[in-house]
Amino acid sequence: MATQKQIDAARRNIRKAQKAWQNMSSEERARSQPEGRRRIKPGRTGKGDYYHVEVRDKYQFELFRTHDVGDPGGVQRVAGKRPSGSWDTLKWLIAKDHAHVTDGKLVADSDDAKQVLAQLGSEPVHVKGDIFRAKPRPNVPEKDKPTRAQQRAREENIQKAQSTWQAMSSEERRHSRH
C-alpha cells in the first residue's frame, strides 16, 4: 500500500502532466508519445518481404482474406468481400525473391510473378516504399464471351468427364446416376 507521501507526489505529478498536455498542440502530443502518431502501414517503408500491387481501393471491402497462389510464400492474393457479398482481388503480394525493381518498374523473376503481372490491366506504377498500383484485369463484355480461353477450358472439362465416365464400370455408372 502506498504511503501518504507517495499519494501526494503522484497527485502533483498528474497535475503537472495535465498542465503540460493542455499547453501542447495535437502534433506535439503525438510526438511526445513513445509510439508516435500511429503504426506504419505495411509496405510503406520499403523494408518488408513483399511488393504490394494494389488493384482496387480497400474502402470498397469490409472483410479480407489472403491466400497463396502458386508456390507457397511466393505470390499471395489479398481478396476482399464487398457489402453485397461478392469477393474480388484487392491486391497482390509478390515476394521480393520473386521480383525486383528496375528503374522504378516491377520486374518478375519467377513464373508465378510473371503470370500475375501479365494478367493485370496495366503496368504497375510505383507509389511509395514497396507499394505499386495497377488497374485490375480488363473486364470482358458479355457480347465477347465465351473467350477462346473459356472455350478451351470447357472442352478440357468435357474431355475429363468423358474419360472418367468411360473408365467406370457399368455397375459404377448405374449408381452414379441416382
N, C-alpha and C. Protein backbone atom coordinates (compact mmCIF):
# COMPACT_ATOMS: atom_id res chain seq x y z
N MET A 1 0.83 -1.18 0.00
CA MET A 1 0.00 0.00 0.00
C MET A 1 0.87 1.24 0.00
N ALA A 2 0.44 2.25 -0.75
CA ALA A 2 1.22 3.48 -0.88
C ALA A 2 1.09 4.33 0.37
N THR A 3 2.18 5.04 0.68
CA THR A 3 2.16 5.94 1.82
C THR A 3 1.49 7.26 1.40
N GLN A 4 1.14 8.07 2.37
CA GLN A 4 0.51 9.37 2.08
C GLN A 4 1.45 10.25 1.27
N LYS A 5 2.75 10.16 1.54
CA LYS A 5 3.74 10.96 0.82
C LYS A 5 3.75 10.56 -0.67
N GLN A 6 3.67 9.24 -0.96
CA GLN A 6 3.65 8.75 -2.35
C GLN A 6 2.37 9.19 -3.07
N ILE A 7 1.24 9.14 -2.37
CA ILE A 7 -0.05 9.54 -2.95
C ILE A 7 -0.01 11.01 -3.33
N ASP A 8 0.52 11.86 -2.42
CA ASP A 8 0.61 13.30 -2.69
C ASP A 8 1.54 13.58 -3.88
N ALA A 9 2.66 12.86 -3.95
CA ALA A 9 3.61 13.04 -5.06
C ALA A 9 2.96 12.63 -6.39
N ALA A 10 2.19 11.54 -6.38
CA ALA A 10 1.51 11.09 -7.59
C ALA A 10 0.50 12.13 -8.06
N ARG A 11 -0.25 12.72 -7.11
CA ARG A 11 -1.22 13.75 -7.47
C ARG A 11 -0.53 14.96 -8.10
N ARG A 12 0.59 15.38 -7.50
CA ARG A 12 1.34 16.52 -8.04
C ARG A 12 1.84 16.21 -9.46
N ASN A 13 2.34 14.99 -9.67
CA ASN A 13 2.86 14.60 -10.99
C ASN A 13 1.74 14.57 -12.04
N ILE A 14 0.56 14.10 -11.64
CA ILE A 14 -0.58 14.07 -12.56
C ILE A 14 -0.98 15.49 -12.94
N ARG A 15 -1.04 16.39 -11.96
CA ARG A 15 -1.41 17.77 -12.25
C ARG A 15 -0.40 18.43 -13.18
N LYS A 16 0.91 18.15 -12.95
CA LYS A 16 1.94 18.72 -13.81
C LYS A 16 1.80 18.20 -15.25
N ALA A 17 1.53 16.92 -15.38
CA ALA A 17 1.37 16.32 -16.72
C ALA A 17 0.15 16.89 -17.43
N GLN A 18 -0.96 17.03 -16.69
CA GLN A 18 -2.17 17.59 -17.30
C GLN A 18 -1.94 19.02 -17.77
N LYS A 19 -1.24 19.81 -16.95
CA LYS A 19 -0.97 21.19 -17.31
C LYS A 19 -0.08 21.26 -18.55
N ALA A 20 0.93 20.38 -18.60
CA ALA A 20 1.83 20.35 -19.75
C ALA A 20 1.07 19.95 -21.02
N TRP A 21 0.18 18.98 -20.91
CA TRP A 21 -0.58 18.50 -22.08
C TRP A 21 -1.56 19.56 -22.59
N GLN A 22 -2.12 20.35 -21.66
CA GLN A 22 -3.08 21.38 -22.08
C GLN A 22 -2.38 22.49 -22.88
N ASN A 23 -1.11 22.69 -22.63
CA ASN A 23 -0.37 23.74 -23.33
C ASN A 23 0.22 23.25 -24.65
N MET A 24 0.08 21.95 -24.97
CA MET A 24 0.66 21.39 -26.20
C MET A 24 -0.36 21.36 -27.33
N SER A 25 0.16 21.45 -28.55
CA SER A 25 -0.71 21.25 -29.72
C SER A 25 -0.88 19.74 -29.93
N SER A 26 -1.79 19.36 -30.81
CA SER A 26 -2.03 17.94 -31.04
C SER A 26 -0.79 17.28 -31.65
N GLU A 27 -0.06 18.02 -32.49
CA GLU A 27 1.17 17.47 -33.08
C GLU A 27 2.22 17.22 -32.00
N GLU A 28 2.36 18.16 -31.08
CA GLU A 28 3.34 17.99 -30.00
C GLU A 28 2.97 16.81 -29.11
N ARG A 29 1.68 16.64 -28.86
CA ARG A 29 1.22 15.49 -28.06
C ARG A 29 1.57 14.19 -28.76
N ALA A 30 1.33 14.14 -30.05
CA ALA A 30 1.60 12.92 -30.82
C ALA A 30 3.09 12.59 -30.79
N ARG A 31 3.93 13.62 -30.95
CA ARG A 31 5.38 13.38 -30.95
C ARG A 31 5.89 12.98 -29.58
N SER A 32 5.22 13.41 -28.52
CA SER A 32 5.70 13.09 -27.18
C SER A 32 5.38 11.64 -26.79
N GLN A 33 4.47 11.00 -27.56
CA GLN A 33 4.15 9.61 -27.28
C GLN A 33 5.29 8.72 -27.79
N PRO A 34 5.66 7.69 -27.06
CA PRO A 34 6.79 6.87 -27.49
C PRO A 34 6.52 6.14 -28.80
N GLU A 35 5.26 5.78 -29.09
CA GLU A 35 4.96 5.05 -30.32
C GLU A 35 4.66 5.98 -31.49
N GLY A 36 4.65 7.29 -31.25
CA GLY A 36 4.38 8.23 -32.33
C GLY A 36 2.90 8.33 -32.62
N ARG A 37 2.58 8.86 -33.80
CA ARG A 37 1.20 9.13 -34.16
C ARG A 37 0.40 7.84 -34.36
N ARG A 38 0.90 6.96 -35.19
CA ARG A 38 0.23 5.69 -35.44
C ARG A 38 1.26 4.72 -36.01
N ARG A 39 0.88 3.48 -36.12
CA ARG A 39 1.82 2.49 -36.63
C ARG A 39 2.05 2.72 -38.13
N ILE A 40 3.19 2.30 -38.61
CA ILE A 40 3.49 2.42 -40.03
C ILE A 40 2.80 1.28 -40.75
N LYS A 41 2.08 1.58 -41.79
CA LYS A 41 1.30 0.57 -42.51
C LYS A 41 2.21 -0.31 -43.36
N PRO A 42 1.78 -1.55 -43.61
CA PRO A 42 2.61 -2.47 -44.38
C PRO A 42 2.95 -1.93 -45.76
N GLY A 43 4.22 -2.11 -46.15
CA GLY A 43 4.67 -1.71 -47.47
C GLY A 43 5.15 -0.28 -47.58
N ARG A 44 4.91 0.56 -46.57
CA ARG A 44 5.23 1.98 -46.66
C ARG A 44 6.74 2.26 -46.53
N THR A 45 7.45 1.42 -45.79
CA THR A 45 8.86 1.70 -45.52
C THR A 45 9.80 1.16 -46.59
N GLY A 46 9.37 0.14 -47.32
CA GLY A 46 10.25 -0.48 -48.31
C GLY A 46 11.14 -1.54 -47.70
N LYS A 47 10.91 -1.91 -46.44
CA LYS A 47 11.76 -2.89 -45.75
C LYS A 47 11.06 -4.23 -45.57
N GLY A 48 9.88 -4.41 -46.17
CA GLY A 48 9.11 -5.64 -45.99
C GLY A 48 9.60 -6.78 -46.86
N ASP A 49 8.90 -7.91 -46.80
CA ASP A 49 9.25 -9.10 -47.57
C ASP A 49 8.52 -9.17 -48.90
N TYR A 50 7.53 -8.32 -49.11
CA TYR A 50 6.70 -8.40 -50.31
C TYR A 50 6.57 -7.04 -50.99
N TYR A 51 6.37 -7.08 -52.32
CA TYR A 51 5.93 -5.92 -53.06
C TYR A 51 4.40 -5.98 -53.07
N HIS A 52 3.74 -4.86 -52.83
CA HIS A 52 2.28 -4.79 -52.79
C HIS A 52 1.80 -4.17 -54.09
N VAL A 53 1.05 -4.92 -54.89
CA VAL A 53 0.50 -4.39 -56.13
C VAL A 53 -1.00 -4.22 -55.93
N GLU A 54 -1.41 -2.99 -55.64
CA GLU A 54 -2.82 -2.70 -55.35
C GLU A 54 -3.60 -2.56 -56.65
N VAL A 55 -4.76 -3.22 -56.72
CA VAL A 55 -5.60 -3.11 -57.91
C VAL A 55 -6.96 -2.48 -57.63
N ARG A 56 -7.38 -2.46 -56.37
CA ARG A 56 -8.64 -1.83 -56.01
C ARG A 56 -8.49 -1.10 -54.67
N ASP A 57 -9.38 -0.16 -54.41
CA ASP A 57 -9.37 0.61 -53.17
C ASP A 57 -9.88 -0.25 -52.02
N LYS A 58 -9.19 -0.24 -50.91
CA LYS A 58 -9.58 -1.10 -49.78
C LYS A 58 -10.91 -0.68 -49.15
N TYR A 59 -11.34 0.53 -49.40
CA TYR A 59 -12.59 1.01 -48.80
C TYR A 59 -13.83 0.43 -49.48
N GLN A 60 -13.64 -0.31 -50.57
CA GLN A 60 -14.77 -0.99 -51.22
C GLN A 60 -15.15 -2.27 -50.47
N PHE A 61 -14.29 -2.72 -49.54
CA PHE A 61 -14.44 -4.03 -48.92
C PHE A 61 -14.63 -3.92 -47.41
N GLU A 62 -15.23 -4.97 -46.85
CA GLU A 62 -15.44 -4.98 -45.40
C GLU A 62 -14.76 -6.16 -44.71
N LEU A 63 -14.26 -7.13 -45.49
CA LEU A 63 -13.60 -8.30 -44.93
C LEU A 63 -12.48 -8.71 -45.87
N PHE A 64 -11.37 -9.22 -45.33
CA PHE A 64 -10.21 -9.54 -46.16
C PHE A 64 -9.71 -10.95 -45.88
N ARG A 65 -9.20 -11.61 -46.93
CA ARG A 65 -8.58 -12.93 -46.82
C ARG A 65 -7.33 -12.94 -47.69
N THR A 66 -6.29 -13.61 -47.23
CA THR A 66 -5.06 -13.75 -48.00
C THR A 66 -4.82 -15.22 -48.24
N HIS A 67 -4.47 -15.58 -49.48
CA HIS A 67 -4.12 -16.97 -49.75
C HIS A 67 -3.02 -17.05 -50.80
N ASP A 68 -2.22 -18.13 -50.69
CA ASP A 68 -1.11 -18.35 -51.60
C ASP A 68 -1.60 -18.68 -52.99
N VAL A 69 -0.89 -18.21 -53.98
CA VAL A 69 -1.16 -18.54 -55.38
C VAL A 69 0.14 -19.11 -55.91
N GLY A 70 0.11 -20.30 -56.47
CA GLY A 70 1.33 -20.92 -56.97
C GLY A 70 2.14 -21.50 -55.83
N ASP A 71 3.46 -21.33 -55.89
CA ASP A 71 4.35 -21.88 -54.86
C ASP A 71 4.11 -21.19 -53.52
N PRO A 72 4.17 -21.94 -52.41
CA PRO A 72 3.94 -21.33 -51.09
C PRO A 72 4.93 -20.20 -50.79
N GLY A 73 4.39 -19.07 -50.32
CA GLY A 73 5.23 -17.95 -49.91
C GLY A 73 5.71 -17.06 -51.03
N GLY A 74 5.41 -17.38 -52.28
CA GLY A 74 5.90 -16.59 -53.40
C GLY A 74 4.97 -15.45 -53.76
N VAL A 75 3.77 -15.81 -54.17
CA VAL A 75 2.78 -14.81 -54.57
C VAL A 75 1.51 -15.06 -53.76
N GLN A 76 0.96 -14.01 -53.19
CA GLN A 76 -0.27 -14.12 -52.41
C GLN A 76 -1.30 -13.16 -52.96
N ARG A 77 -2.56 -13.58 -52.89
CA ARG A 77 -3.68 -12.75 -53.33
C ARG A 77 -4.45 -12.30 -52.09
N VAL A 78 -4.67 -11.01 -51.97
CA VAL A 78 -5.49 -10.48 -50.89
C VAL A 78 -6.86 -10.20 -51.48
N ALA A 79 -7.85 -10.97 -51.04
CA ALA A 79 -9.22 -10.82 -51.56
C ALA A 79 -10.05 -10.06 -50.55
N GLY A 80 -11.00 -9.29 -51.05
CA GLY A 80 -11.88 -8.52 -50.19
C GLY A 80 -13.33 -8.88 -50.47
N LYS A 81 -14.14 -8.85 -49.42
CA LYS A 81 -15.58 -9.12 -49.55
C LYS A 81 -16.32 -7.79 -49.50
N ARG A 82 -17.13 -7.57 -50.53
CA ARG A 82 -17.92 -6.35 -50.59
C ARG A 82 -19.17 -6.47 -49.72
N PRO A 83 -19.80 -5.35 -49.38
CA PRO A 83 -21.06 -5.43 -48.61
C PRO A 83 -22.14 -6.26 -49.32
N SER A 84 -22.07 -6.34 -50.66
CA SER A 84 -23.05 -7.13 -51.41
C SER A 84 -22.80 -8.63 -51.26
N GLY A 85 -21.62 -9.01 -50.76
CA GLY A 85 -21.29 -10.43 -50.59
C GLY A 85 -20.35 -10.96 -51.65
N SER A 86 -20.08 -10.20 -52.70
CA SER A 86 -19.17 -10.67 -53.74
C SER A 86 -17.72 -10.46 -53.30
N TRP A 87 -16.83 -11.33 -53.80
CA TRP A 87 -15.42 -11.27 -53.49
C TRP A 87 -14.66 -10.80 -54.71
N ASP A 88 -13.58 -10.04 -54.48
CA ASP A 88 -12.74 -9.59 -55.58
C ASP A 88 -11.32 -9.37 -55.05
N THR A 89 -10.36 -9.28 -55.97
CA THR A 89 -8.96 -9.09 -55.59
C THR A 89 -8.73 -7.64 -55.18
N LEU A 90 -8.17 -7.47 -53.99
CA LEU A 90 -7.80 -6.14 -53.50
C LEU A 90 -6.38 -5.81 -53.97
N LYS A 91 -5.44 -6.74 -53.72
CA LYS A 91 -4.06 -6.52 -54.14
C LYS A 91 -3.33 -7.85 -54.21
N TRP A 92 -2.18 -7.80 -54.84
CA TRP A 92 -1.30 -8.96 -54.96
C TRP A 92 -0.05 -8.68 -54.13
N LEU A 93 0.43 -9.69 -53.41
CA LEU A 93 1.68 -9.59 -52.67
C LEU A 93 2.68 -10.49 -53.37
N ILE A 94 3.77 -9.91 -53.88
CA ILE A 94 4.79 -10.66 -54.60
C ILE A 94 6.06 -10.63 -53.77
N ALA A 95 6.55 -11.81 -53.39
CA ALA A 95 7.76 -11.90 -52.55
C ALA A 95 8.93 -11.24 -53.26
N LYS A 96 9.81 -10.63 -52.49
CA LYS A 96 10.93 -9.90 -53.07
C LYS A 96 11.93 -10.81 -53.76
N ASP A 97 11.92 -12.10 -53.43
CA ASP A 97 12.80 -13.02 -54.16
C ASP A 97 12.14 -13.54 -55.44
N HIS A 98 10.91 -13.12 -55.73
CA HIS A 98 10.21 -13.49 -56.96
C HIS A 98 10.12 -12.32 -57.94
N ALA A 99 10.58 -11.13 -57.52
CA ALA A 99 10.54 -9.95 -58.38
C ALA A 99 11.57 -8.93 -57.88
N HIS A 100 11.88 -7.97 -58.73
CA HIS A 100 12.77 -6.89 -58.33
C HIS A 100 12.33 -5.60 -59.02
N VAL A 101 12.88 -4.48 -58.55
CA VAL A 101 12.55 -3.18 -59.12
C VAL A 101 13.73 -2.68 -59.93
N THR A 102 13.46 -2.31 -61.19
CA THR A 102 14.47 -1.74 -62.07
C THR A 102 13.91 -0.47 -62.66
N ASP A 103 14.60 0.64 -62.43
CA ASP A 103 14.15 1.95 -62.94
C ASP A 103 12.72 2.26 -62.53
N GLY A 104 12.35 1.93 -61.31
CA GLY A 104 11.01 2.22 -60.80
C GLY A 104 9.93 1.29 -61.32
N LYS A 105 10.32 0.23 -62.05
CA LYS A 105 9.34 -0.72 -62.58
C LYS A 105 9.52 -2.07 -61.92
N LEU A 106 8.41 -2.74 -61.68
CA LEU A 106 8.43 -4.06 -61.06
C LEU A 106 8.66 -5.10 -62.14
N VAL A 107 9.73 -5.90 -61.97
CA VAL A 107 10.11 -6.91 -62.95
C VAL A 107 10.03 -8.28 -62.29
N ALA A 108 9.28 -9.20 -62.91
CA ALA A 108 9.09 -10.54 -62.35
C ALA A 108 10.32 -11.40 -62.58
N ASP A 109 10.66 -12.23 -61.58
CA ASP A 109 11.78 -13.17 -61.69
C ASP A 109 11.29 -14.62 -61.74
N SER A 110 10.07 -14.88 -61.31
CA SER A 110 9.54 -16.25 -61.29
C SER A 110 8.33 -16.34 -62.22
N ASP A 111 7.96 -17.58 -62.56
CA ASP A 111 6.81 -17.79 -63.44
C ASP A 111 5.51 -17.31 -62.79
N ASP A 112 5.36 -17.58 -61.47
CA ASP A 112 4.14 -17.14 -60.77
C ASP A 112 3.99 -15.63 -60.83
N ALA A 113 5.09 -14.92 -60.56
CA ALA A 113 5.04 -13.45 -60.59
C ALA A 113 4.78 -12.93 -62.00
N LYS A 114 5.39 -13.58 -63.01
CA LYS A 114 5.17 -13.17 -64.40
C LYS A 114 3.70 -13.33 -64.76
N GLN A 115 3.10 -14.40 -64.32
CA GLN A 115 1.69 -14.67 -64.62
C GLN A 115 0.79 -13.60 -64.00
N VAL A 116 1.07 -13.23 -62.75
CA VAL A 116 0.27 -12.21 -62.08
C VAL A 116 0.42 -10.86 -62.77
N LEU A 117 1.66 -10.47 -63.08
CA LEU A 117 1.88 -9.17 -63.71
C LEU A 117 1.30 -9.12 -65.12
N ALA A 118 1.27 -10.27 -65.81
CA ALA A 118 0.72 -10.31 -67.18
C ALA A 118 -0.79 -10.14 -67.19
N GLN A 119 -1.47 -10.61 -66.14
CA GLN A 119 -2.94 -10.53 -66.15
C GLN A 119 -3.48 -9.20 -65.64
N LEU A 120 -2.62 -8.32 -65.16
CA LEU A 120 -3.08 -7.01 -64.71
C LEU A 120 -3.53 -6.17 -65.90
N GLY A 121 -4.41 -5.22 -65.64
CA GLY A 121 -4.94 -4.37 -66.70
C GLY A 121 -4.00 -3.26 -67.12
N SER A 122 -2.93 -3.02 -66.35
CA SER A 122 -1.93 -2.01 -66.70
C SER A 122 -0.61 -2.38 -66.02
N GLU A 123 0.44 -1.70 -66.42
CA GLU A 123 1.74 -1.94 -65.80
C GLU A 123 1.75 -1.30 -64.41
N PRO A 124 2.27 -2.01 -63.38
CA PRO A 124 2.30 -1.44 -62.03
C PRO A 124 3.14 -0.17 -61.96
N VAL A 125 2.59 0.86 -61.31
CA VAL A 125 3.26 2.14 -61.14
C VAL A 125 3.69 2.27 -59.69
N HIS A 126 4.96 2.65 -59.47
CA HIS A 126 5.48 2.78 -58.10
C HIS A 126 4.82 3.95 -57.38
N VAL A 127 4.35 3.69 -56.15
CA VAL A 127 3.69 4.73 -55.35
C VAL A 127 4.62 5.20 -54.24
N LYS A 128 5.06 4.25 -53.39
CA LYS A 128 5.88 4.59 -52.25
C LYS A 128 6.37 3.30 -51.61
N GLY A 129 7.59 3.28 -51.12
CA GLY A 129 8.12 2.09 -50.45
C GLY A 129 8.04 0.87 -51.33
N ASP A 130 7.31 -0.15 -50.87
CA ASP A 130 7.11 -1.39 -51.63
C ASP A 130 5.76 -1.41 -52.34
N ILE A 131 5.08 -0.28 -52.40
CA ILE A 131 3.72 -0.25 -52.92
C ILE A 131 3.69 0.18 -54.39
N PHE A 132 2.96 -0.60 -55.18
CA PHE A 132 2.72 -0.30 -56.58
C PHE A 132 1.22 -0.27 -56.80
N ARG A 133 0.77 0.44 -57.84
CA ARG A 133 -0.65 0.49 -58.14
C ARG A 133 -0.83 0.12 -59.61
N ALA A 134 -1.84 -0.71 -59.89
CA ALA A 134 -2.16 -1.11 -61.26
C ALA A 134 -3.66 -1.21 -61.39
N LYS A 135 -4.12 -1.29 -62.64
CA LYS A 135 -5.54 -1.48 -62.87
C LYS A 135 -5.84 -2.97 -62.82
N PRO A 136 -7.06 -3.32 -62.39
CA PRO A 136 -7.42 -4.75 -62.40
C PRO A 136 -7.48 -5.25 -63.83
N ARG A 137 -7.52 -6.59 -63.99
CA ARG A 137 -7.55 -7.13 -65.35
C ARG A 137 -8.79 -6.61 -66.07
N PRO A 138 -8.69 -6.47 -67.38
CA PRO A 138 -9.81 -5.87 -68.12
C PRO A 138 -11.08 -6.69 -68.03
N ASN A 139 -12.20 -6.00 -67.97
CA ASN A 139 -13.50 -6.65 -67.91
C ASN A 139 -13.92 -6.99 -69.33
N VAL A 140 -14.25 -8.26 -69.58
CA VAL A 140 -14.65 -8.69 -70.92
C VAL A 140 -16.16 -8.54 -71.02
N PRO A 141 -16.64 -7.78 -72.02
CA PRO A 141 -18.09 -7.62 -72.16
C PRO A 141 -18.76 -8.95 -72.49
N GLU A 142 -20.00 -9.08 -72.08
CA GLU A 142 -20.74 -10.33 -72.29
C GLU A 142 -20.85 -10.70 -73.77
N LYS A 143 -20.91 -9.69 -74.64
CA LYS A 143 -21.06 -9.98 -76.06
C LYS A 143 -19.82 -10.67 -76.64
N ASP A 144 -18.66 -10.53 -75.97
CA ASP A 144 -17.43 -11.15 -76.44
C ASP A 144 -17.17 -12.51 -75.78
N LYS A 145 -18.11 -13.00 -75.00
CA LYS A 145 -17.92 -14.28 -74.33
C LYS A 145 -18.66 -15.36 -75.08
N PRO A 146 -18.27 -16.60 -75.04
CA PRO A 146 -17.10 -17.09 -74.31
C PRO A 146 -15.81 -16.75 -75.05
N THR A 147 -14.79 -16.41 -74.27
CA THR A 147 -13.49 -16.13 -74.87
C THR A 147 -12.86 -17.45 -75.31
N ARG A 148 -11.78 -17.34 -76.06
CA ARG A 148 -11.09 -18.55 -76.53
C ARG A 148 -10.61 -19.37 -75.33
N ALA A 149 -10.12 -18.74 -74.29
CA ALA A 149 -9.64 -19.45 -73.10
C ALA A 149 -10.80 -20.17 -72.40
N GLN A 150 -11.96 -19.52 -72.34
CA GLN A 150 -13.12 -20.17 -71.72
C GLN A 150 -13.58 -21.37 -72.54
N GLN A 151 -13.55 -21.24 -73.86
CA GLN A 151 -13.93 -22.37 -74.73
C GLN A 151 -12.97 -23.54 -74.54
N ARG A 152 -11.67 -23.24 -74.48
CA ARG A 152 -10.65 -24.28 -74.29
C ARG A 152 -10.84 -24.99 -72.95
N ALA A 153 -11.09 -24.22 -71.89
CA ALA A 153 -11.28 -24.81 -70.56
C ALA A 153 -12.52 -25.69 -70.54
N ARG A 154 -13.57 -25.26 -71.19
CA ARG A 154 -14.81 -26.06 -71.24
C ARG A 154 -14.57 -27.38 -71.97
N GLU A 155 -13.85 -27.32 -73.11
CA GLU A 155 -13.54 -28.54 -73.86
C GLU A 155 -12.72 -29.51 -73.02
N GLU A 156 -11.73 -28.98 -72.29
CA GLU A 156 -10.89 -29.84 -71.43
C GLU A 156 -11.73 -30.48 -70.34
N ASN A 157 -12.64 -29.73 -69.74
CA ASN A 157 -13.50 -30.28 -68.68
C ASN A 157 -14.41 -31.37 -69.23
N ILE A 158 -14.92 -31.18 -70.44
CA ILE A 158 -15.79 -32.20 -71.04
C ILE A 158 -14.99 -33.47 -71.31
N GLN A 159 -13.77 -33.30 -71.82
CA GLN A 159 -12.92 -34.47 -72.10
C GLN A 159 -12.59 -35.22 -70.81
N LYS A 160 -12.31 -34.51 -69.73
CA LYS A 160 -12.03 -35.16 -68.43
C LYS A 160 -13.23 -35.96 -67.97
N ALA A 161 -14.42 -35.36 -68.08
CA ALA A 161 -15.64 -36.03 -67.64
C ALA A 161 -15.89 -37.28 -68.49
N GLN A 162 -15.68 -37.19 -69.80
CA GLN A 162 -15.91 -38.34 -70.67
C GLN A 162 -14.93 -39.46 -70.39
N SER A 163 -13.66 -39.12 -70.15
CA SER A 163 -12.67 -40.17 -69.87
C SER A 163 -12.95 -40.83 -68.52
N THR A 164 -13.41 -40.06 -67.55
CA THR A 164 -13.77 -40.63 -66.24
C THR A 164 -14.97 -41.55 -66.40
N TRP A 165 -15.94 -41.13 -67.18
CA TRP A 165 -17.15 -41.91 -67.40
C TRP A 165 -16.82 -43.23 -68.10
N GLN A 166 -15.92 -43.17 -69.09
CA GLN A 166 -15.55 -44.37 -69.84
C GLN A 166 -14.75 -45.34 -68.98
N ALA A 167 -13.99 -44.81 -68.02
CA ALA A 167 -13.18 -45.66 -67.16
C ALA A 167 -14.02 -46.38 -66.10
N MET A 168 -15.22 -45.90 -65.86
CA MET A 168 -16.09 -46.50 -64.85
C MET A 168 -16.73 -47.78 -65.39
N SER A 169 -16.96 -48.72 -64.50
CA SER A 169 -17.67 -49.94 -64.90
C SER A 169 -19.16 -49.63 -65.01
N SER A 170 -19.91 -50.56 -65.65
CA SER A 170 -21.35 -50.35 -65.81
C SER A 170 -22.06 -50.29 -64.46
N GLU A 171 -21.55 -51.04 -63.47
CA GLU A 171 -22.14 -51.02 -62.11
C GLU A 171 -21.96 -49.64 -61.48
N GLU A 172 -20.76 -49.06 -61.62
CA GLU A 172 -20.48 -47.72 -61.07
C GLU A 172 -21.32 -46.66 -61.76
N ARG A 173 -21.51 -46.81 -63.07
CA ARG A 173 -22.33 -45.85 -63.83
C ARG A 173 -23.77 -45.85 -63.35
N ARG A 174 -24.30 -47.07 -63.09
CA ARG A 174 -25.69 -47.17 -62.66
C ARG A 174 -25.87 -46.47 -61.31
N HIS A 175 -24.92 -46.61 -60.40
CA HIS A 175 -25.03 -45.99 -59.06
C HIS A 175 -24.77 -44.48 -59.11
N SER A 176 -23.99 -44.02 -60.08
CA SER A 176 -23.70 -42.58 -60.12
C SER A 176 -24.87 -41.77 -60.65
N ARG A 177 -25.80 -42.41 -61.35
CA ARG A 177 -26.95 -41.69 -61.90
C ARG A 177 -28.01 -41.43 -60.84
N HIS A 178 -27.98 -42.12 -59.75
CA HIS A 178 -29.06 -41.98 -58.74
C HIS A 178 -28.61 -41.25 -57.53
